[in-house]
Amino acid sequence: MTVVGVVGAGLMGAGVAQNLGMAGHSVVLVDISEDALSASLDRIRLNCRMSRMLGGPAVDGDEVLARITTSTDLAALADAEVVIENITEDEALKRALYPRLDEVCRPECVLVANTSAIPITRIGSWTGRPDKVAGVHFMNPVPMKPAVEFIPGRHTSPESLQIVRDLLTSMGKKAIDVKDACGFISNRLSHVFMNEAAYLVYEGVADAETIDEVFRSCFGHPMGPLETADLIGVDTILQSIEVLYEHFADSKYRPCPLLKHMVDAGHLGRKSGEGFYRHSNDLSQPAGGRGHLTAVRTGSAN
């Protein structure tokens, strides 16, 4: 059993904490908001109960939750052997967090960045321990996904990589080795799809349901790009595509204005109840399932 800190109690943080608890690890879940921590525990309890319905193993939610403690104080991470950071994909916020993790975590603690776009070498440069910083891009919903992108920074030591690899193995994850590059593999590809799909809606070419139906029926994808955007969070998609656009200065990553409009309106997808679709009773819908979806008629340029 390893003591693992999880920073950020949002959708991804809850999934990581649940997966760690299912694997028998002791988890310290930290967030600045007591409400976020409470909602995270409720989500973990619900997802454990629904695990078998979604094709996963039977999970004792009480056992999983018994392995998770919560705190709004980063100092609670003092005994962690590994800390997995899952805060919002905002470089300024992450840059402010890592020096604080350096202060509260013991010197041998390995820091894992669960980032979808920011290079790991850059994150390591914000710490005094770049040799103990690695990247793991978890996919949502975390407990149901069998693989992750595993990214070393330029200075990450072999020892640190092995610690993280062993932890991932214990969680039932296949670690796919990926070189350190902005967006890695999955988001360099998927975010172009989602951003371009948003442009199709914005330009009035097609509605969300039609676009997603093409991906499901013609390409055999279980979910279309705009269903996926709602699952991940429209705000997270926008933040990630903005990172790609800034890093590469390439117009193919220029964020669709509709994404910005939706974020301003608070239409973030499942977590807010409305995004490209309306989601009935979001918390009761298992992450990854389609639930009851109603396409939203979002504004277009036409």
C-alpha atoms as a PDB file:
ATOM      1  CA  MET A   1       0.000   0.000   0.000  1.00  0.00           C
ATOM      2  CA  THR A   2       1.257   3.455  -0.973  1.00  0.00           C
ATOM      3  CA  VAL A   3       0.185   6.784   0.476  1.00  0.00           C
ATOM      4  CA  VAL A   4      -0.835   8.849  -2.543  1.00  0.00           C
ATOM      5  CA  GLY A   5      -1.856  12.485  -2.536  1.00  0.00           C
ATOM      6  CA  VAL A   6      -4.399  13.673  -5.096  1.00  0.00           C
ATOM      7  CA  VAL A   7      -4.619  17.434  -5.587  1.00  0.00           C
ATOM      8  CA  GLY A   8      -7.831  18.660  -7.178  1.00  0.00           C
ATOM      9  CA  ALA A   9     -11.200  17.058  -6.387  1.00  0.00           C
ATOM     10  CA  GLY A  10     -12.954  17.668  -9.683  1.00  0.00           C
ATOM     11  CA  LEU A  11     -14.126  14.993 -12.101  1.00  0.00           C
ATOM     12  CA  MET A  12     -10.624  13.738 -12.874  1.00  0.00           C
ATOM     13  CA  GLY A  13      -9.398  13.974  -9.284  1.00  0.00           C
ATOM     14  CA  ALA A  14     -12.401  11.990  -8.058  1.00  0.00           C
ATOM     15  CA  GLY A  15     -11.726   9.316 -10.670  1.00  0.00           C
ATOM     16  CA  VAL A  16      -8.041   9.078  -9.772  1.00  0.00           C
ATOM     17  CA  ALA A  17      -8.825   8.906  -6.047  1.00  0.00           C
ATOM     18  CA  GLN A  18     -11.457   6.208  -6.659  1.00  0.00           C
ATOM     19  CA  ASN A  19      -9.090   4.133  -8.800  1.00  0.00           C
ATOM     20  CA  LEU A  20      -6.344   4.393  -6.170  1.00  0.00           C
ATOM     21  CA  GLY A  21      -8.757   3.401  -3.412  1.00  0.00           C
ATOM     22  CA  MET A  22      -9.970   0.429  -5.458  1.00  0.00           C
ATOM     23  CA  ALA A  23      -6.308  -0.630  -5.803  1.00  0.00           C
ATOM     24  CA  GLY A  24      -5.892  -0.614  -2.002  1.00  0.00           C
ATOM     25  CA  HIS A  25      -3.848   2.583  -1.651  1.00  0.00           C
ATOM     26  CA  SER A  26      -4.295   5.165   1.075  1.00  0.00           C
ATOM     27  CA  VAL A  27      -5.414   8.428  -0.543  1.00  0.00           C
ATOM     28  CA  VAL A  28      -5.217  12.021   0.660  1.00  0.00           C
ATOM     29  CA  LEU A  29      -7.564  14.094  -1.500  1.00  0.00           C
ATOM     30  CA  VAL A  30      -6.907  17.852  -1.328  1.00  0.00           C
ATOM     31  CA  ASP A  31      -8.875  20.759  -2.726  1.00  0.00           C
ATOM     32  CA  ILE A  32      -9.342  24.409  -1.744  1.00  0.00           C
ATOM     33  CA  SER A  33     -13.115  23.886  -1.525  1.00  0.00           C
ATOM     34  CA  GLU A  34     -14.964  21.808   1.079  1.00  0.00           C
ATOM     35  CA  ASP A  35     -17.942  21.711  -1.296  1.00  0.00           C
ATOM     36  CA  ALA A  36     -15.749  20.237  -4.046  1.00  0.00           C
ATOM     37  CA  LEU A  37     -14.434  17.589  -1.662  1.00  0.00           C
ATOM     38  CA  SER A  38     -17.941  16.653  -0.539  1.00  0.00           C
ATOM     39  CA  ALA A  39     -19.194  16.459  -4.125  1.00  0.00           C
ATOM     40  CA  SER A  40     -16.173  14.356  -5.045  1.00  0.00           C
ATOM     41  CA  LEU A  41     -16.920  11.801  -2.327  1.00  0.00           C
ATOM     42  CA  ASP A  42     -20.558  11.661  -3.433  1.00  0.00           C
ATOM     43  CA  ARG A  43     -19.428  11.017  -7.019  1.00  0.00           C
ATOM     44  CA  ILE A  44     -17.017   8.284  -5.917  1.00  0.00           C
ATOM     45  CA  ARG A  45     -19.749   6.593  -3.859  1.00  0.00           C
ATOM     46  CA  LEU A  46     -22.151   6.687  -6.811  1.00  0.00           C
ATOM     47  CA  ASN A  47     -19.590   5.464  -9.347  1.00  0.00           C
ATOM     48  CA  CYS A  48     -18.574   2.568  -7.105  1.00  0.00           C
ATOM     49  CA  ARG A  49     -22.224   1.537  -6.848  1.00  0.00           C
ATOM     50  CA  MET A  50     -22.656   1.697 -10.620  1.00  0.00           C
ATOM     51  CA  SER A  51     -19.340   0.066 -11.554  1.00  0.00           C
ATOM     52  CA  ARG A  52     -20.762  -3.356 -12.301  1.00  0.00           C
ATOM     53  CA  MET A  53     -23.599  -1.885 -14.398  1.00  0.00           C
ATOM     54  CA  LEU A  54     -20.962  -0.273 -16.613  1.00  0.00           C
ATOM     55  CA  GLY A  55     -19.115  -3.524 -17.197  1.00  0.00           C
ATOM     56  CA  GLY A  56     -16.557  -3.019 -14.450  1.00  0.00           C
ATOM     57  CA  PRO A  57     -15.916  -5.053 -11.309  1.00  0.00           C
ATOM     58  CA  ALA A  58     -18.172  -5.090  -8.273  1.00  0.00           C
ATOM     59  CA  VAL A  59     -16.792  -2.384  -5.965  1.00  0.00           C
ATOM     60  CA  ASP A  60     -17.427  -1.914  -2.253  1.00  0.00           C
ATOM     61  CA  GLY A  61     -17.860   1.845  -2.064  1.00  0.00           C
ATOM     62  CA  ASP A  62     -17.538   1.900   1.712  1.00  0.00           C
ATOM     63  CA  GLU A  63     -14.144   0.191   1.513  1.00  0.00           C
ATOM     64  CA  VAL A  64     -12.935   2.604  -1.158  1.00  0.00           C
ATOM     65  CA  LEU A  65     -14.114   5.669   0.763  1.00  0.00           C
ATOM     66  CA  ALA A  66     -12.539   4.351   3.967  1.00  0.00           C
ATOM     67  CA  ARG A  67      -9.163   4.628   2.227  1.00  0.00           C
ATOM     68  CA  ILE A  68      -9.712   8.284   1.257  1.00  0.00           C
ATOM     69  CA  THR A  69      -9.172  11.215   3.602  1.00  0.00           C
ATOM     70  CA  THR A  70      -9.821  14.804   2.554  1.00  0.00           C
ATOM     71  CA  SER A  71      -8.316  18.161   3.401  1.00  0.00           C
ATOM     72  CA  THR A  72      -8.242  21.774   2.240  1.00  0.00           C
ATOM     73  CA  ASP A  73      -4.649  22.089   3.483  1.00  0.00           C
ATOM     74  CA  LEU A  74      -1.729  21.051   1.269  1.00  0.00           C
ATOM     75  CA  ALA A  75       0.209  20.238   4.437  1.00  0.00           C
ATOM     76  CA  ALA A  76      -1.888  17.053   4.622  1.00  0.00           C
ATOM     77  CA  LEU A  77       0.385  15.717   1.850  1.00  0.00           C
ATOM     78  CA  ALA A  78       3.422  15.612   4.142  1.00  0.00           C
ATOM     79  CA  ASP A  79       3.492  11.786   4.310  1.00  0.00           C
ATOM     80  CA  ALA A  80       2.638  11.098   0.662  1.00  0.00           C
ATOM     81  CA  GLU A  81       5.040   8.976  -1.364  1.00  0.00           C
ATOM     82  CA  VAL A  82       3.505  10.123  -4.651  1.00  0.00           C
ATOM     83  CA  VAL A  83       1.342  13.188  -5.334  1.00  0.00           C
ATOM     84  CA  ILE A  84      -0.873  13.326  -8.424  1.00  0.00           C
ATOM     85  CA  GLU A  85      -1.858  16.860  -9.434  1.00  0.00           C
ATOM     86  CA  ASN A  86      -5.212  17.209 -11.223  1.00  0.00           C
ATOM     87  CA  ILE A  87      -6.105  20.891 -11.000  1.00  0.00           C
ATOM     88  CA  THR A  88      -7.622  22.800 -13.897  1.00  0.00           C
ATOM     89  CA  GLU A  89      -5.565  23.053 -17.091  1.00  0.00           C
ATOM     90  CA  ASP A  90      -4.488  26.620 -16.335  1.00  0.00           C
ATOM     91  CA  GLU A  91      -0.739  27.126 -16.558  1.00  0.00           C
ATOM     92  CA  ALA A  92      -0.700  30.070 -14.144  1.00  0.00           C
ATOM     93  CA  LEU A  93      -2.497  28.041 -11.459  1.00  0.00           C
ATOM     94  CA  LYS A  94      -0.236  25.042 -11.949  1.00  0.00           C
ATOM     95  CA  ARG A  95       2.871  27.231 -11.906  1.00  0.00           C
ATOM     96  CA  ALA A  96       1.775  28.640  -8.536  1.00  0.00           C
ATOM     97  CA  LEU A  97       0.991  25.206  -7.099  1.00  0.00           C
ATOM     98  CA  TYR A  98       4.193  23.267  -7.738  1.00  0.00           C
ATOM     99  CA  PRO A  99       6.528  25.377  -5.549  1.00  0.00           C
ATOM    100  CA  ARG A 100       4.026  24.881  -2.734  1.00  0.00           C
ATOM    101  CA  LEU A 101       4.081  21.120  -3.295  1.00  0.00           C
ATOM    102  CA  ASP A 102       7.870  21.332  -3.135  1.00  0.00           C
ATOM    103  CA  GLU A 103       7.580  22.893   0.310  1.00  0.00           C
ATOM    104  CA  VAL A 104       5.075  20.507   1.891  1.00  0.00           C
ATOM    105  CA  CYS A 105       6.105  17.186   0.313  1.00  0.00           C
ATOM    106  CA  ARG A 106       9.053  15.214   1.597  1.00  0.00           C
ATOM    107  CA  PRO A 107      12.142  15.333  -0.644  1.00  0.00           C
ATOM    108  CA  GLU A 108      11.744  11.807  -1.999  1.00  0.00           C
ATOM    109  CA  CYS A 109       8.088  12.303  -2.969  1.00  0.00           C
ATOM    110  CA  VAL A 110       7.426  11.945  -6.711  1.00  0.00           C
ATOM    111  CA  LEU A 111       5.137  14.558  -8.274  1.00  0.00           C
ATOM    112  CA  VAL A 112       2.871  13.395 -11.093  1.00  0.00           C
ATOM    113  CA  ALA A 113       1.260  15.948 -13.386  1.00  0.00           C
ATOM    114  CA  ASN A 114      -2.078  14.786 -14.768  1.00  0.00           C
ATOM    115  CA  THR A 115      -2.057  17.291 -17.610  1.00  0.00           C
ATOM    116  CA  SER A 116      -3.570  17.085 -21.049  1.00  0.00           C
ATOM    117  CA  ALA A 117      -1.279  19.540 -22.810  1.00  0.00           C
ATOM    118  CA  ILE A 118       1.442  21.269 -20.751  1.00  0.00           C
ATOM    119  CA  PRO A 119       4.948  19.828 -21.337  1.00  0.00           C
ATOM    120  CA  ILE A 120       6.313  17.901 -18.355  1.00  0.00           C
ATOM    121  CA  THR A 121       9.798  19.419 -18.611  1.00  0.00           C
ATOM    122  CA  ARG A 122       8.210  22.848 -18.180  1.00  0.00           C
ATOM    123  CA  ILE A 123       6.307  21.688 -15.107  1.00  0.00           C
ATOM    124  CA  GLY A 124       9.469  20.160 -13.656  1.00  0.00           C
ATOM    125  CA  SER A 125      11.210  23.526 -14.016  1.00  0.00           C
ATOM    126  CA  TRP A 126       8.758  25.007 -11.517  1.00  0.00           C
ATOM    127  CA  THR A 127      10.118  22.717  -8.798  1.00  0.00           C
ATOM    128  CA  GLY A 128      13.407  22.049  -7.080  1.00  0.00           C
ATOM    129  CA  ARG A 129      13.040  18.349  -7.965  1.00  0.00           C
ATOM    130  CA  PRO A 130      12.688  18.031 -11.764  1.00  0.00           C
ATOM    131  CA  ASP A 131      14.125  14.522 -11.496  1.00  0.00           C
ATOM    132  CA  LYS A 132      11.037  13.562  -9.483  1.00  0.00           C
ATOM    133  CA  VAL A 133       8.403  14.992 -11.830  1.00  0.00           C
ATOM    134  CA  ALA A 134       6.614  12.767 -14.352  1.00  0.00           C
ATOM    135  CA  GLY A 135       3.491  13.132 -16.449  1.00  0.00           C
ATOM    136  CA  VAL A 136       0.485  10.827 -16.602  1.00  0.00           C
ATOM    137  CA  HIS A 137      -2.441  11.765 -18.816  1.00  0.00           C
ATOM    138  CA  PHE A 138      -5.382   9.865 -17.345  1.00  0.00           C
ATOM    139  CA  MET A 139      -8.482   9.398 -19.481  1.00  0.00           C
ATOM    140  CA  ASN A 140     -12.021   9.955 -18.259  1.00  0.00           C
ATOM    141  CA  PRO A 141     -13.700   8.081 -16.633  1.00  0.00           C
ATOM    142  CA  VAL A 142     -10.466   7.095 -14.903  1.00  0.00           C
ATOM    143  CA  PRO A 143     -11.521   3.805 -13.223  1.00  0.00           C
ATOM    144  CA  MET A 144     -12.918   2.449 -16.505  1.00  0.00           C
ATOM    145  CA  LYS A 145     -10.021   3.310 -18.806  1.00  0.00           C
ATOM    146  CA  PRO A 146      -7.329   0.617 -19.174  1.00  0.00           C
ATOM    147  CA  ALA A 147      -4.485   2.843 -20.393  1.00  0.00           C
ATOM    148  CA  VAL A 148      -2.791   6.200 -19.848  1.00  0.00           C
ATOM    149  CA  GLU A 149      -0.207   8.307 -21.626  1.00  0.00           C
ATOM    150  CA  PHE A 150       3.031   8.138 -19.596  1.00  0.00           C
ATOM    151  CA  ILE A 151       5.391  11.055 -20.154  1.00  0.00           C
ATOM    152  CA  PRO A 152       8.892  11.616 -18.736  1.00  0.00           C
ATOM    153  CA  GLY A 153      10.321  15.089 -18.456  1.00  0.00           C
ATOM    154  CA  ARG A 154      13.823  15.783 -19.720  1.00  0.00           C
ATOM    155  CA  HIS A 155      15.227  15.389 -16.200  1.00  0.00           C
ATOM    156  CA  THR A 156      12.940  12.669 -14.791  1.00  0.00           C
ATOM    157  CA  SER A 157      15.051   9.938 -13.222  1.00  0.00           C
ATOM    158  CA  PRO A 158      14.627   6.238 -14.073  1.00  0.00           C
ATOM    159  CA  GLU A 159      13.867   5.604 -10.386  1.00  0.00           C
ATOM    160  CA  SER A 160      11.003   8.105 -10.397  1.00  0.00           C
ATOM    161  CA  LEU A 161       9.608   6.654 -13.609  1.00  0.00           C
ATOM    162  CA  GLN A 162       9.654   3.159 -12.130  1.00  0.00           C
ATOM    163  CA  ILE A 163       7.802   4.301  -9.008  1.00  0.00           C
ATOM    164  CA  VAL A 164       5.058   5.819 -11.142  1.00  0.00           C
ATOM    165  CA  ARG A 165       4.974   2.864 -13.525  1.00  0.00           C
ATOM    166  CA  ASP A 166       4.535   0.465 -10.588  1.00  0.00           C
ATOM    167  CA  LEU A 167       1.739   2.623  -9.183  1.00  0.00           C
ATOM    168  CA  LEU A 168      -0.036   2.621 -12.548  1.00  0.00           C
ATOM    169  CA  THR A 169       0.300  -1.151 -12.809  1.00  0.00           C
ATOM    170  CA  SER A 170      -1.305  -1.522  -9.391  1.00  0.00           C
ATOM    171  CA  MET A 171      -4.204   0.628 -10.657  1.00  0.00           C
ATOM    172  CA  GLY A 172      -4.707  -1.690 -13.624  1.00  0.00           C
ATOM    173  CA  LYS A 173      -3.346   0.796 -16.149  1.00  0.00           C
ATOM    174  CA  LYS A 174      -1.244   0.096 -19.221  1.00  0.00           C
ATOM    175  CA  ALA A 175       1.347   2.889 -19.398  1.00  0.00           C
ATOM    176  CA  ILE A 176       1.848   3.953 -23.011  1.00  0.00           C
ATOM    177  CA  ASP A 177       5.209   5.720 -23.264  1.00  0.00           C
ATOM    178  CA  VAL A 178       4.918   9.085 -24.993  1.00  0.00           C
ATOM    179  CA  LYS A 179       7.613  11.685 -25.615  1.00  0.00           C
ATOM    180  CA  ASP A 180       7.302  15.051 -23.885  1.00  0.00           C
ATOM    181  CA  ALA A 181       5.544  17.362 -26.351  1.00  0.00           C
ATOM    182  CA  CYS A 182       2.708  19.827 -25.895  1.00  0.00           C
ATOM    183  CA  GLY A 183      -0.582  17.935 -26.116  1.00  0.00           C
ATOM    184  CA  PHE A 184       1.252  14.574 -26.261  1.00  0.00           C
ATOM    185  CA  ILE A 185      -0.589  12.249 -28.684  1.00  0.00           C
ATOM    186  CA  SER A 186      -4.209  12.045 -27.598  1.00  0.00           C
ATOM    187  CA  ASN A 187      -4.930  15.745 -27.293  1.00  0.00           C
ATOM    188  CA  ARG A 188      -2.935  16.765 -30.361  1.00  0.00           C
ATOM    189  CA  LEU A 189      -5.443  14.622 -32.252  1.00  0.00           C
ATOM    190  CA  SER A 190      -8.697  14.651 -30.271  1.00  0.00           C
ATOM    191  CA  HIS A 191      -8.803  18.379 -29.590  1.00  0.00           C
ATOM    192  CA  VAL A 192      -8.536  19.160 -33.298  1.00  0.00           C
ATOM    193  CA  PHE A 193     -11.606  16.938 -33.820  1.00  0.00           C
ATOM    194  CA  MET A 194     -13.565  18.573 -30.990  1.00  0.00           C
ATOM    195  CA  ASN A 195     -12.576  22.117 -31.923  1.00  0.00           C
ATOM    196  CA  GLU A 196     -13.431  21.562 -35.595  1.00  0.00           C
ATOM    197  CA  ALA A 197     -16.736  19.933 -34.610  1.00  0.00           C
ATOM    198  CA  ALA A 198     -17.531  23.063 -32.583  1.00  0.00           C
ATOM    199  CA  TYR A 199     -16.761  25.144 -35.696  1.00  0.00           C
ATOM    200  CA  LEU A 200     -19.276  23.062 -37.694  1.00  0.00           C
ATOM    201  CA  VAL A 201     -21.965  23.914 -35.134  1.00  0.00           C
ATOM    202  CA  TYR A 202     -20.833  27.550 -34.975  1.00  0.00           C
ATOM    203  CA  GLU A 203     -21.019  27.889 -38.778  1.00  0.00           C
ATOM    204  CA  GLY A 204     -24.431  26.216 -38.943  1.00  0.00           C
ATOM    205  CA  VAL A 205     -23.200  23.283 -41.022  1.00  0.00           C
ATOM    206  CA  ALA A 206     -24.716  20.691 -38.678  1.00  0.00           C
ATOM    207  CA  ASP A 207     -26.006  20.308 -35.145  1.00  0.00           C
ATOM    208  CA  ALA A 208     -24.191  18.386 -32.408  1.00  0.00           C
ATOM    209  CA  GLU A 209     -26.314  15.245 -32.718  1.00  0.00           C
ATOM    210  CA  THR A 210     -25.699  14.970 -36.480  1.00  0.00           C
ATOM    211  CA  ILE A 211     -21.948  15.426 -36.085  1.00  0.00           C
ATOM    212  CA  ASP A 212     -21.751  12.824 -33.333  1.00  0.00           C
ATOM    213  CA  GLU A 213     -23.950  10.406 -35.280  1.00  0.00           C
ATOM    214  CA  VAL A 214     -21.455  10.490 -38.163  1.00  0.00           C
ATOM    215  CA  PHE A 215     -18.657   9.541 -35.779  1.00  0.00           C
ATOM    216  CA  ARG A 216     -20.687   6.784 -34.132  1.00  0.00           C
ATOM    217  CA  SER A 217     -22.280   5.262 -37.235  1.00  0.00           C
ATOM    218  CA  CYS A 218     -19.667   5.884 -39.917  1.00  0.00           C
ATOM    219  CA  PHE A 219     -16.438   5.611 -37.930  1.00  0.00           C
ATOM    220  CA  GLY A 220     -17.576   3.217 -35.198  1.00  0.00           C
ATOM    221  CA  HIS A 221     -16.648   5.548 -32.359  1.00  0.00           C
ATOM    222  CA  PRO A 222     -18.609   4.863 -29.149  1.00  0.00           C
ATOM    223  CA  MET A 223     -18.981   8.617 -28.611  1.00  0.00           C
ATOM    224  CA  GLY A 224     -18.866  11.572 -30.969  1.00  0.00           C
ATOM    225  CA  PRO A 225     -16.515  14.537 -30.476  1.00  0.00           C
ATOM    226  CA  LEU A 226     -19.129  16.841 -28.942  1.00  0.00           C
ATOM    227  CA  GLU A 227     -20.463  14.189 -26.554  1.00  0.00           C
ATOM    228  CA  THR A 228     -16.840  13.727 -25.548  1.00  0.00           C
ATOM    229  CA  ALA A 229     -16.393  17.474 -25.072  1.00  0.00           C
ATOM    230  CA  ASP A 230     -19.392  17.512 -22.735  1.00  0.00           C
ATOM    231  CA  LEU A 231     -17.979  14.554 -20.811  1.00  0.00           C
ATOM    232  CA  ILE A 232     -14.530  16.093 -20.397  1.00  0.00           C
ATOM    233  CA  GLY A 233     -15.854  19.623 -19.845  1.00  0.00           C
ATOM    234  CA  VAL A 234     -16.115  22.386 -22.429  1.00  0.00           C
ATOM    235  CA  ASP A 235     -13.950  24.618 -20.233  1.00  0.00           C
ATOM    236  CA  THR A 236     -11.228  21.962 -20.096  1.00  0.00           C
ATOM    237  CA  ILE A 237     -11.345  21.558 -23.876  1.00  0.00           C
ATOM    238  CA  LEU A 238     -11.016  25.313 -24.343  1.00  0.00           C
ATOM    239  CA  GLN A 239      -8.107  25.575 -21.902  1.00  0.00           C
ATOM    240  CA  SER A 240      -6.257  22.732 -23.607  1.00  0.00           C
ATOM    241  CA  ILE A 241      -6.780  24.004 -27.145  1.00  0.00           C
ATOM    242  CA  GLU A 242      -5.591  27.441 -25.998  1.00  0.00           C
ATOM    243  CA  VAL A 243      -2.390  25.848 -24.656  1.00  0.00           C
ATOM    244  CA  LEU A 244      -1.850  24.142 -28.026  1.00  0.00           C
ATOM    245  CA  TYR A 245      -2.559  27.357 -29.942  1.00  0.00           C
ATOM    246  CA  GLU A 246      -0.151  29.378 -27.801  1.00  0.00           C
ATOM    247  CA  HIS A 247       2.576  26.736 -27.919  1.00  0.00           C
ATOM    248  CA  PHE A 248       2.545  25.984 -31.669  1.00  0.00           C
ATOM    249  CA  ALA A 249       1.242  29.345 -32.983  1.00  0.00           C
ATOM    250  CA  ASP A 250      -0.569  27.284 -35.613  1.00  0.00           C
ATOM    251  CA  SER A 251      -4.011  28.332 -36.865  1.00  0.00           C
ATOM    252  CA  LYS A 252      -5.249  24.736 -36.841  1.00  0.00           C
ATOM    253  CA  TYR A 253      -5.497  25.090 -33.036  1.00  0.00           C
ATOM    254  CA  ARG A 254      -7.330  28.441 -33.104  1.00  0.00           C
ATOM    255  CA  PRO A 255     -10.146  28.010 -30.529  1.00  0.00           C
ATOM    256  CA  CYS A 256     -13.666  28.133 -31.887  1.00  0.00           C
ATOM    257  CA  PRO A 257     -15.492  31.250 -30.615  1.00  0.00           C
ATOM    258  CA  LEU A 258     -18.451  29.031 -29.701  1.00  0.00           C
ATOM    259  CA  LEU A 259     -16.346  27.274 -27.056  1.00  0.00           C
ATOM    260  CA  LYS A 260     -15.525  30.641 -25.479  1.00  0.00           C
ATOM    261  CA  HIS A 261     -19.175  31.701 -25.611  1.00  0.00           C
ATOM    262  CA  MET A 262     -20.306  28.467 -23.953  1.00  0.00           C
ATOM    263  CA  VAL A 263     -17.741  28.799 -21.171  1.00  0.00           C
ATOM    264  CA  ASP A 264     -18.819  32.410 -20.553  1.00  0.00           C
ATOM    265  CA  ALA A 265     -22.419  31.179 -20.331  1.00  0.00           C
ATOM    266  CA  GLY A 266     -21.493  28.418 -17.869  1.00  0.00           C
ATOM    267  CA  HIS A 267     -22.496  25.700 -20.326  1.00  0.00           C
ATOM    268  CA  LEU A 268     -19.625  23.355 -19.492  1.00  0.00           C
ATOM    269  CA  GLY A 269     -21.164  19.980 -20.311  1.00  0.00           C
ATOM    270  CA  ARG A 270     -22.155  17.241 -17.902  1.00  0.00           C
ATOM    271  CA  LYS A 271     -20.794  18.945 -14.820  1.00  0.00           C
ATOM    272  CA  SER A 272     -23.060  21.968 -15.325  1.00  0.00           C
ATOM    273  CA  GLY A 273     -26.015  20.069 -16.817  1.00  0.00           C
ATOM    274  CA  GLU A 274     -25.758  21.707 -20.235  1.00  0.00           C
ATOM    275  CA  GLY A 275     -23.134  21.936 -22.946  1.00  0.00           C
ATOM    276  CA  PHE A 276     -23.629  20.800 -26.523  1.00  0.00           C
ATOM    277  CA  TYR A 277     -26.388  18.666 -24.968  1.00  0.00           C
ATOM    278  CA  ARG A 278     -28.696  18.976 -21.984  1.00  0.00           C
ATOM    279  CA  HIS A 279     -27.983  16.294 -19.418  1.00  0.00           C
ATOM    280  CA  SER A 280     -30.782  15.096 -17.176  1.00  0.00           C
ATOM    281  CA  ASN A 281     -29.706  14.786 -13.529  1.00  0.00           C
ATOM    282  CA  ASP A 282     -25.988  14.789 -14.405  1.00  0.00           C
ATOM    283  CA  LEU A 283     -24.688  13.241 -11.179  1.00  0.00           C
ATOM    284  CA  SER A 284     -26.913  10.188 -11.608  1.00  0.00           C
ATOM    285  CA  GLN A 285     -25.514   9.505 -15.077  1.00  0.00           C
ATOM    286  CA  PRO A 286     -22.442   7.278 -15.084  1.00  0.00           C
ATOM    287  CA  ALA A 287     -19.400   8.940 -16.584  1.00  0.00           C
ATOM    288  CA  GLY A 288     -18.884   7.522 -20.046  1.00  0.00           C
ATOM    289  CA  GLY A 289     -22.525   6.572 -20.618  1.00  0.00           C
ATOM    290  CA  ARG A 290     -24.752   8.594 -22.903  1.00  0.00           C
ATOM    291  CA  GLY A 291     -27.565   8.987 -20.407  1.00  0.00           C
ATOM    292  CA  HIS A 292     -30.522  11.060 -21.591  1.00  0.00           C
ATOM    293  CA  LEU A 293     -29.219  13.639 -24.054  1.00  0.00           C
ATOM    294  CA  THR A 294     -31.030  16.472 -25.758  1.00  0.00           C
ATOM    295  CA  ALA A 295     -29.078  18.434 -28.334  1.00  0.00           C
ATOM    296  CA  VAL A 296     -28.846  22.151 -27.566  1.00  0.00           C
ATOM    297  CA  ARG A 297     -29.430  24.628 -30.383  1.00  0.00           C
ATOM    298  CA  THR A 298     -26.296  26.699 -29.873  1.00  0.00           C
ATOM    299  CA  GLY A 299     -25.692  29.977 -31.667  1.00  0.00           C
ATOM    300  CA  SER A 300     -23.910  30.038 -35.001  1.00  0.00           C
ATOM    301  CA  ALA A 301     -22.171  32.568 -37.184  1.00  0.00           C
ATOM    302  CA  ASN A 302     -25.000  32.414 -39.726  1.00  0.00           C
END
